[in-house]
Amino acid sequence: MQRFWSPFFASLFWVFPAFASPDPALADDADSSTFEDFRESFRIAALAAGVSLETYDREMATVIPLPIVVKRNDNQPEFSRPLWGYLDSAVSDRRIADGRQYQTQAQAALIDAEEKYGVSRYILAAIWGLESSYGNIQGSHDVLSALSTLAYQGRRQKYGRAQLLGALQILDRGYATREQLKGSWAGAMGQTQFIPTTYIQYAIDENEDGKRDLWSDHADIFASTANYLAQSGYQQGTPWGFEVLLPEGFDYALADLKMKKGVADWLSLGLQAADGPLSEKVDLNARASVLVPTGAKGPAFMVFENYRAILKYNNSTAYALGIGMLSEALAGTSVSLQQPWPRGDRPLSRDEREQLQQALLDKGYTPGPIDGIIGAGTKAALRAWQRDQNMPADGYASAVVLDALQTE
């Protein structure tokens, strides 16, 4: 799983990957004052995890700290690109045209993965397109050096150490060679950008040649990606989601990924698919959530378990919508949104998001930490304030809302 480190995506948004809690042996080592000290001390954790001494000494002897990794890790840019700007790039005419060409070239492997793992070939092709521009941009950093740099210093040492251990296990087990372990500065690898721990858990040697080649072997690439999605709850033959039209007076507090209802229940509330009868789009017994990612003024989507599976690959609304929409374009079934994006809205800067949180706190609501992250707590507090102001309680943090909060 790239999960969150595709060259394309990382250039637009910063989202740190979810991964299992690292072993206590990987905790920060305060005694490692130099890179050489770290390299020597980490040997203990690696050997305890089953990495051979021969592999460790051979591979770690040539790792070096990478200044670009330090720079990017410690100086993450503030991202304020609007969702529609991301989607304009993710589902551009060029990306669609390239995707149709490349998926034709890889058709046999895509179809095999779809048939074996039950994951749409077009979803797989869309992930391939967003993660590495169909294999053309996989990252060029030595993964072992990049992860050693993260593990040695900075604010993500636990992540770096867990992934460094995973990379060493990949080499020790012969799944890939050191020359193959090239990827992003944060350690994501291959044409669908798996971090090492995800590689170990989900990568497949589909052609049984003794390798799990996510860099050049289409059979392994698409089988591995499909395996990850299938084990994340992907359901064959069901949609990721589609645009819906909301009735007048809709309670926007219901528009939340945590709120699941049967499609029949949503229908009884007055929701309709934007491009036809809802009953013809999906089984009315299926359970779904409704999202309004840019608030009441923007489009609404009904999303299903396949959308959630994509989120497990990369926990970002923008990414999941991008994959869904690109997959439809690659399948030749995409339709234009009936409700346009609110392109006149200006995204909030980090300082402004902190101001919004502080304003909510000052008014007696509980947004959580004043950190500029519009998470579940901030959205809940914002919805509560919006309800009290007789506004649509969509929880959408816009410049208009901030202005209203500050002038009330």
Protein backbone atom coordinates (compact mmCIF):
# COMPACT_ATOMS: atom_id res chain seq x y z
CA MET A 1 0.00 0.00 0.00
CA GLN A 2 1.25 3.36 -0.73
CA ARG A 3 -1.26 4.21 1.64
CA PHE A 4 -0.20 7.74 1.80
CA TRP A 5 3.02 8.12 -0.02
CA SER A 6 2.35 8.23 -3.74
CA PRO A 7 4.57 10.74 -5.53
CA PHE A 8 1.42 12.31 -6.99
CA PHE A 9 -0.55 12.45 -3.77
CA ALA A 10 2.28 13.44 -1.49
CA SER A 11 2.90 16.48 -3.65
CA LEU A 12 -0.59 17.75 -2.85
CA PHE A 13 -1.59 16.62 0.64
CA TRP A 14 0.17 15.47 3.75
CA VAL A 15 -1.48 12.45 5.29
CA PHE A 16 0.60 10.16 7.47
CA PRO A 17 0.05 6.43 6.97
CA ALA A 18 -1.76 4.29 9.48
CA PHE A 19 0.15 1.22 10.55
CA ALA A 20 0.23 -1.24 13.38
CA SER A 21 1.76 -0.08 16.65
CA PRO A 22 5.49 -0.75 16.53
CA ASP A 23 7.16 -3.27 18.76
CA PRO A 24 8.49 -1.79 22.04
CA ALA A 25 11.95 -2.73 20.83
CA LEU A 26 11.55 -0.05 18.18
CA ALA A 27 11.06 2.78 20.68
CA ASP A 28 13.30 5.83 20.46
CA ASP A 29 16.85 5.20 21.60
CA ALA A 30 18.07 8.27 23.45
CA ASP A 31 21.62 6.90 23.46
CA SER A 32 21.92 6.98 19.66
CA SER A 33 23.61 10.33 19.36
CA THR A 34 25.16 9.70 15.96
CA PHE A 35 24.01 7.89 12.85
CA GLU A 36 26.66 5.25 13.41
CA ASP A 37 25.43 4.77 17.00
CA PHE A 38 21.91 4.30 15.65
CA ARG A 39 23.04 1.78 13.06
CA GLU A 40 24.81 -0.26 15.72
CA SER A 41 21.98 -0.09 18.26
CA PHE A 42 19.24 -0.95 15.77
CA ARG A 43 21.01 -4.24 15.06
CA ILE A 44 19.60 -5.54 18.37
CA ALA A 45 15.98 -4.90 17.33
CA ALA A 46 16.56 -6.33 13.86
CA LEU A 47 18.14 -9.55 15.09
CA ALA A 48 15.38 -9.94 17.70
CA ALA A 49 12.85 -9.72 14.86
CA GLY A 50 14.55 -12.52 12.96
CA VAL A 51 16.70 -10.58 10.50
CA SER A 52 19.96 -12.44 10.00
CA LEU A 53 23.21 -10.86 11.11
CA GLU A 54 24.59 -11.37 7.60
CA THR A 55 21.73 -9.45 6.01
CA TYR A 56 21.84 -6.67 8.57
CA ASP A 57 25.56 -6.05 8.35
CA ARG A 58 25.63 -6.29 4.56
CA GLU A 59 22.70 -4.00 3.89
CA MET A 60 23.10 -1.48 6.70
CA ALA A 61 26.81 -1.00 5.97
CA THR A 62 25.90 1.07 2.91
CA VAL A 63 22.99 3.15 4.22
CA ILE A 64 23.56 6.88 4.55
CA PRO A 65 21.46 9.67 6.03
CA LEU A 66 19.63 11.55 3.27
CA PRO A 67 19.36 15.33 3.75
CA ILE A 68 16.27 15.51 1.50
CA VAL A 69 14.44 13.14 3.85
CA VAL A 70 15.34 15.28 6.86
CA LYS A 71 14.15 18.38 5.03
CA ARG A 72 10.85 16.92 3.95
CA ASN A 73 10.18 15.27 7.28
CA ASP A 74 10.85 18.39 9.33
CA ASN A 75 9.41 20.98 6.98
CA GLN A 76 6.10 19.68 5.74
CA PRO A 77 4.35 22.32 3.63
CA GLU A 78 0.97 23.68 4.64
CA PHE A 79 -1.51 22.28 2.18
CA SER A 80 -4.56 24.37 1.36
CA ARG A 81 -5.44 23.10 -2.09
CA PRO A 82 -9.21 22.67 -2.41
CA LEU A 83 -10.71 19.26 -3.02
CA TRP A 84 -11.83 20.15 -6.54
CA GLY A 85 -8.29 21.23 -7.40
CA TYR A 86 -7.01 17.81 -6.37
CA LEU A 87 -9.71 16.05 -8.38
CA ASP A 88 -9.07 18.22 -11.44
CA SER A 89 -5.55 16.76 -11.47
CA ALA A 90 -6.45 13.24 -10.35
CA VAL A 91 -9.09 12.84 -13.06
CA SER A 92 -7.56 15.01 -15.75
CA ASP A 93 -8.01 14.30 -19.45
CA ARG A 94 -4.32 13.38 -19.67
CA ARG A 95 -4.53 10.91 -16.77
CA ILE A 96 -7.63 9.31 -18.27
CA ALA A 97 -6.08 9.02 -21.74
CA ASP A 98 -2.85 7.58 -20.34
CA GLY A 99 -4.83 5.17 -18.17
CA ARG A 100 -6.80 3.79 -21.07
CA GLN A 101 -3.57 3.17 -22.95
CA TYR A 102 -1.73 1.56 -20.04
CA GLN A 103 -4.62 -0.57 -18.86
CA THR A 104 -4.83 -2.03 -22.36
CA GLN A 105 -1.16 -2.97 -22.13
CA ALA A 106 -1.69 -4.57 -18.70
CA GLN A 107 -5.14 -5.97 -19.47
CA ALA A 108 -4.35 -9.64 -18.83
CA ALA A 109 -2.89 -9.03 -15.37
CA LEU A 110 -5.70 -6.65 -14.44
CA ILE A 111 -8.37 -9.14 -15.48
CA ASP A 112 -6.62 -11.99 -13.65
CA ALA A 113 -6.47 -9.95 -10.43
CA GLU A 114 -10.12 -8.96 -10.77
CA GLU A 115 -11.24 -12.56 -11.28
CA LYS A 116 -9.11 -13.98 -8.47
CA TYR A 117 -9.60 -11.30 -5.79
CA GLY A 118 -12.95 -9.77 -6.75
CA VAL A 119 -11.66 -6.21 -7.09
CA SER A 120 -12.61 -4.13 -10.12
CA ARG A 121 -9.83 -3.88 -12.69
CA TYR A 122 -10.71 -0.21 -13.09
CA ILE A 123 -10.21 0.49 -9.37
CA LEU A 124 -6.82 -1.23 -9.63
CA ALA A 125 -5.92 0.82 -12.69
CA ALA A 126 -6.98 4.03 -10.95
CA ILE A 127 -4.75 3.26 -7.96
CA TRP A 128 -1.93 2.49 -10.37
CA GLY A 129 -2.51 5.83 -12.06
CA LEU A 130 -2.59 7.97 -8.92
CA GLU A 131 0.21 6.18 -7.10
CA SER A 132 2.86 6.16 -9.82
CA SER A 133 1.40 7.58 -13.03
CA TYR A 134 0.97 4.01 -14.29
CA GLY A 135 4.42 2.93 -13.17
CA ASN A 136 6.32 5.91 -14.56
CA ILE A 137 7.03 7.74 -11.27
CA GLN A 138 7.88 5.28 -8.51
CA GLY A 139 10.40 7.32 -6.55
CA SER A 140 14.16 7.05 -6.81
CA HIS A 141 15.34 7.10 -3.18
CA ASP A 142 17.17 4.15 -1.67
CA VAL A 143 14.42 2.96 0.68
CA LEU A 144 16.81 1.58 3.29
CA SER A 145 18.67 4.89 3.53
CA ALA A 146 15.45 6.90 3.57
CA LEU A 147 13.94 4.80 6.35
CA SER A 148 17.21 4.76 8.29
CA THR A 149 17.16 8.56 8.17
CA LEU A 150 13.60 8.69 9.49
CA ALA A 151 14.39 6.08 12.13
CA TYR A 152 17.48 7.94 13.29
CA GLN A 153 16.05 11.38 13.91
CA GLY A 154 13.01 13.58 13.65
CA ARG A 155 9.40 13.37 14.67
CA ARG A 156 8.57 10.06 13.03
CA GLN A 157 11.19 7.75 14.43
CA LYS A 158 8.72 5.03 15.45
CA TYR A 159 7.30 4.91 11.95
CA GLY A 160 10.79 4.92 10.45
CA ARG A 161 12.00 2.11 12.68
CA ALA A 162 8.97 -0.08 12.06
CA GLN A 163 9.31 0.38 8.29
CA LEU A 164 13.10 -0.05 8.33
CA LEU A 165 12.65 -3.36 10.10
CA GLY A 166 10.08 -4.33 7.47
CA ALA A 167 12.46 -3.41 4.65
CA LEU A 168 15.23 -5.52 6.20
CA GLN A 169 12.83 -8.46 6.49
CA ILE A 170 11.94 -8.11 2.81
CA LEU A 171 15.61 -8.36 1.90
CA ASP A 172 16.33 -11.14 4.38
CA ARG A 173 13.48 -13.28 3.03
CA GLY A 174 14.55 -12.73 -0.55
CA TYR A 175 11.29 -11.12 -1.66
CA ALA A 176 13.17 -8.34 -3.44
CA THR A 177 16.70 -7.09 -3.97
CA ARG A 178 18.34 -3.98 -2.59
CA GLU A 179 18.47 -2.58 -6.11
CA GLN A 180 14.69 -2.91 -6.33
CA LEU A 181 14.10 -1.12 -3.03
CA LYS A 182 13.75 2.32 -4.56
CA GLY A 183 10.81 4.52 -3.67
CA SER A 184 9.56 7.68 -2.06
CA TRP A 185 11.42 9.62 0.60
CA ALA A 186 9.05 8.11 3.18
CA GLY A 187 9.69 4.52 2.11
CA ALA A 188 6.74 3.68 -0.17
CA MET A 189 7.72 1.36 -3.00
CA GLY A 190 6.65 0.05 -6.35
CA GLN A 191 4.00 0.90 -8.90
CA THR A 192 1.23 0.96 -6.29
CA GLN A 193 3.43 2.31 -3.47
CA PHE A 194 3.39 -0.16 -0.58
CA ILE A 195 5.21 0.73 2.62
CA PRO A 196 7.35 -2.21 3.84
CA THR A 197 5.05 -3.51 6.58
CA THR A 198 2.13 -3.54 4.16
CA TYR A 199 4.30 -5.23 1.54
CA ILE A 200 5.13 -8.04 3.98
CA GLN A 201 1.48 -8.52 4.94
CA TYR A 202 -0.23 -8.21 1.57
CA ALA A 203 2.22 -8.47 -1.35
CA ILE A 204 1.71 -11.56 -3.52
CA ASP A 205 4.12 -13.61 -5.62
CA GLU A 206 1.40 -14.18 -8.19
CA ASN A 207 3.58 -15.81 -10.85
CA GLU A 208 5.42 -17.94 -8.28
CA ASP A 209 8.91 -16.90 -9.35
CA GLY A 210 10.09 -16.45 -5.77
CA LYS A 211 9.73 -12.65 -5.83
CA ARG A 212 7.04 -10.20 -4.87
CA ASP A 213 7.92 -7.76 -7.59
CA LEU A 214 5.87 -4.57 -7.23
CA TRP A 215 8.32 -2.61 -9.39
CA SER A 216 8.03 -4.29 -12.79
CA ASP A 217 5.81 -7.40 -12.69
CA HIS A 218 2.18 -6.58 -13.50
CA ALA A 219 0.93 -9.93 -12.19
CA ASP A 220 2.46 -9.30 -8.75
CA ILE A 221 1.55 -5.61 -8.74
CA PHE A 222 -2.17 -6.03 -9.38
CA ALA A 223 -2.59 -9.23 -7.36
CA SER A 224 -0.95 -7.55 -4.37
CA THR A 225 -3.06 -4.41 -4.65
CA ALA A 226 -6.25 -6.43 -5.12
CA ASN A 227 -5.33 -8.64 -2.17
CA TYR A 228 -4.92 -5.61 0.06
CA LEU A 229 -8.28 -4.16 -0.97
CA ALA A 230 -10.05 -7.51 -0.68
CA GLN A 231 -8.73 -7.98 2.84
CA SER A 232 -9.81 -4.42 3.63
CA GLY A 233 -13.45 -5.29 2.94
CA TYR A 234 -13.84 -4.66 -0.78
CA GLN A 235 -17.06 -6.25 -2.06
CA GLN A 236 -17.19 -7.60 -5.60
CA GLY A 237 -19.89 -6.22 -7.83
CA THR A 238 -20.88 -3.28 -5.66
CA PRO A 239 -20.12 0.39 -6.36
CA TRP A 240 -17.70 2.57 -4.44
CA GLY A 241 -20.38 5.28 -4.45
CA PHE A 242 -22.16 7.83 -6.62
CA GLU A 243 -23.58 11.32 -6.51
CA VAL A 244 -26.95 11.78 -4.83
CA LEU A 245 -29.37 14.68 -4.66
CA LEU A 246 -30.50 15.69 -1.19
CA PRO A 247 -34.03 16.77 -0.38
CA GLU A 248 -34.89 20.23 0.87
CA GLY A 249 -34.50 20.40 4.62
CA PHE A 250 -32.03 17.50 4.75
CA ASP A 251 -30.42 17.08 8.17
CA TYR A 252 -26.73 17.48 7.36
CA ALA A 253 -25.78 15.91 10.67
CA LEU A 254 -26.59 12.62 8.90
CA ALA A 255 -23.89 13.28 6.30
CA ASP A 256 -21.09 11.51 8.09
CA LEU A 257 -19.06 8.40 7.31
CA LYS A 258 -19.92 7.06 10.77
CA MET A 259 -23.63 7.18 9.94
CA LYS A 260 -24.70 4.02 8.10
CA LYS A 261 -28.24 3.41 6.89
CA GLY A 262 -29.86 1.02 4.48
CA VAL A 263 -30.29 2.45 0.99
CA ALA A 264 -34.05 2.01 1.44
CA ASP A 265 -33.87 4.20 4.56
CA TRP A 266 -32.02 6.92 2.65
CA LEU A 267 -34.63 6.65 -0.08
CA SER A 268 -37.39 7.14 2.47
CA LEU A 269 -35.67 10.37 3.56
CA GLY A 270 -35.96 11.71 0.03
CA LEU A 271 -32.48 11.02 -1.38
CA GLN A 272 -32.18 10.16 -5.05
CA ALA A 273 -29.30 9.20 -7.29
CA ALA A 274 -28.23 12.10 -9.48
CA ASP A 275 -28.33 10.08 -12.70
CA GLY A 276 -31.40 7.87 -12.30
CA PRO A 277 -33.63 5.99 -9.86
CA LEU A 278 -31.77 4.94 -6.73
CA SER A 279 -33.43 1.53 -6.85
CA GLU A 280 -31.71 0.86 -10.18
CA LYS A 281 -28.26 1.82 -8.94
CA VAL A 282 -27.81 -0.52 -6.00
CA ASP A 283 -29.48 -3.11 -3.78
CA LEU A 284 -31.88 -1.26 -1.47
CA ASN A 285 -30.75 -3.49 1.41
CA ALA A 286 -27.13 -2.34 1.10
CA ARG A 287 -25.84 -0.10 3.84
CA ALA A 288 -24.35 3.24 2.92
CA SER A 289 -23.21 6.59 4.24
CA VAL A 290 -23.75 10.05 2.78
CA LEU A 291 -20.92 12.56 2.47
CA VAL A 292 -20.87 16.26 1.64
CA PRO A 293 -17.09 16.79 1.42
CA THR A 294 -17.40 20.49 0.55
CA GLY A 295 -20.47 21.27 2.60
CA ALA A 296 -24.06 21.98 1.75
CA LYS A 297 -23.16 24.01 -1.34
CA GLY A 298 -21.25 21.18 -2.99
CA PRO A 299 -22.15 17.73 -4.32
CA ALA A 300 -23.28 14.88 -2.06
CA PHE A 301 -22.21 11.27 -2.41
CA MET A 302 -23.62 7.97 -1.20
CA VAL A 303 -20.69 5.68 -0.43
CA PHE A 304 -20.40 1.98 0.31
CA GLU A 305 -17.93 -0.54 1.71
CA ASN A 306 -15.67 -0.27 -1.32
CA TYR A 307 -15.14 3.42 -0.58
CA ARG A 308 -14.11 2.44 2.95
CA ALA A 309 -11.70 -0.14 1.55
CA ILE A 310 -10.07 2.56 -0.55
CA LEU A 311 -9.79 4.72 2.57
CA LYS A 312 -7.85 1.91 4.24
CA TYR A 313 -5.41 2.10 1.36
CA ASN A 314 -5.13 5.86 1.85
CA ASN A 315 -7.17 7.58 4.54
CA SER A 316 -8.12 10.69 2.59
CA THR A 317 -11.49 11.77 1.25
CA ALA A 318 -9.79 13.44 -1.72
CA TYR A 319 -7.88 10.28 -2.57
CA ALA A 320 -10.88 7.95 -2.24
CA LEU A 321 -13.06 10.19 -4.40
CA GLY A 322 -10.22 10.52 -6.91
CA ILE A 323 -9.87 6.74 -7.18
CA GLY A 324 -13.62 6.26 -7.55
CA MET A 325 -14.02 8.93 -10.21
CA LEU A 326 -10.90 7.94 -12.14
CA SER A 327 -12.01 4.30 -12.15
CA GLU A 328 -15.32 5.31 -13.70
CA ALA A 329 -13.56 7.36 -16.35
CA LEU A 330 -11.27 4.44 -17.18
CA ALA A 331 -14.31 2.18 -17.46
CA GLY A 332 -16.03 4.68 -19.74
CA THR A 333 -18.96 5.14 -17.36
CA SER A 334 -18.20 8.48 -15.76
CA VAL A 335 -20.85 11.20 -15.64
CA SER A 336 -20.58 14.89 -14.85
CA LEU A 337 -21.63 16.01 -11.40
CA GLN A 338 -25.06 17.60 -11.32
CA GLN A 339 -24.17 19.70 -8.29
CA PRO A 340 -20.91 21.55 -9.04
CA TRP A 341 -18.09 22.08 -6.59
CA PRO A 342 -18.21 25.44 -4.76
CA ARG A 343 -15.18 26.73 -6.62
CA GLY A 344 -15.70 30.22 -5.26
CA ASP A 345 -14.86 29.01 -1.75
CA ARG A 346 -11.38 29.74 -0.50
CA PRO A 347 -9.70 26.98 1.51
CA LEU A 348 -8.57 27.97 4.98
CA SER A 349 -4.89 28.27 5.83
CA ARG A 350 -3.58 26.41 8.86
CA ASP A 351 -3.63 29.63 10.90
CA GLU A 352 -7.24 30.20 9.90
CA ARG A 353 -8.20 26.66 10.85
CA GLU A 354 -6.66 27.28 14.25
CA GLN A 355 -8.61 30.54 14.48
CA LEU A 356 -11.80 28.64 13.71
CA GLN A 357 -11.08 26.11 16.43
CA GLN A 358 -10.26 28.88 18.91
CA ALA A 359 -13.47 30.74 18.04
CA LEU A 360 -15.51 27.60 18.66
CA LEU A 361 -13.75 27.08 21.98
CA ASP A 362 -14.32 30.71 22.98
CA LYS A 363 -18.03 30.28 22.30
CA GLY A 364 -18.30 27.28 24.60
CA TYR A 365 -17.97 24.45 22.10
CA THR A 366 -15.38 21.67 22.30
CA PRO A 367 -13.35 21.33 19.07
CA GLY A 368 -10.48 19.49 20.70
CA PRO A 369 -6.84 20.59 20.35
CA ILE A 370 -6.14 23.90 18.63
CA ASP A 371 -3.97 22.25 16.00
CA GLY A 372 -5.37 23.34 12.65
CA ILE A 373 -6.61 19.83 11.89
CA ILE A 374 -10.30 19.68 11.07
CA GLY A 375 -10.98 16.27 12.58
CA ALA A 376 -14.05 14.64 14.06
CA GLY A 377 -14.03 16.79 17.20
CA THR A 378 -13.81 20.07 15.31
CA LYS A 379 -16.51 18.99 12.87
CA ALA A 380 -18.83 18.00 15.72
CA ALA A 381 -18.28 21.32 17.48
CA LEU A 382 -18.81 23.22 14.23
CA ARG A 383 -22.02 21.34 13.52
CA ALA A 384 -23.30 22.16 17.00
CA TRP A 385 -22.59 25.85 16.47
CA GLN A 386 -24.18 25.76 13.00
CA ARG A 387 -27.34 24.19 14.42
CA ASP A 388 -27.53 26.88 17.08
CA GLN A 389 -27.27 29.48 14.32
CA ASN A 390 -29.98 27.79 12.21
CA MET A 391 -27.41 27.07 9.50
CA PRO A 392 -26.99 23.79 7.59
CA ALA A 393 -25.02 21.67 10.05
CA ASP A 394 -22.58 20.30 7.47
CA GLY A 395 -19.43 20.73 9.57
CA TYR A 396 -17.63 22.27 6.61
CA ALA A 397 -14.87 24.68 7.64
CA SER A 398 -15.01 27.43 5.05
CA ALA A 399 -13.87 31.04 4.97
CA VAL A 400 -17.54 32.12 5.14
CA VAL A 401 -18.06 30.06 8.29
CA LEU A 402 -14.90 31.44 9.88
CA ASP A 403 -16.03 34.98 9.16
CA ALA A 404 -19.45 34.24 10.68
CA LEU A 405 -17.84 32.74 13.78
CA GLN A 406 -15.58 35.72 14.28
CA THR A 407 -18.26 38.38 13.73
CA GLU A 408 -21.10 36.77 15.67
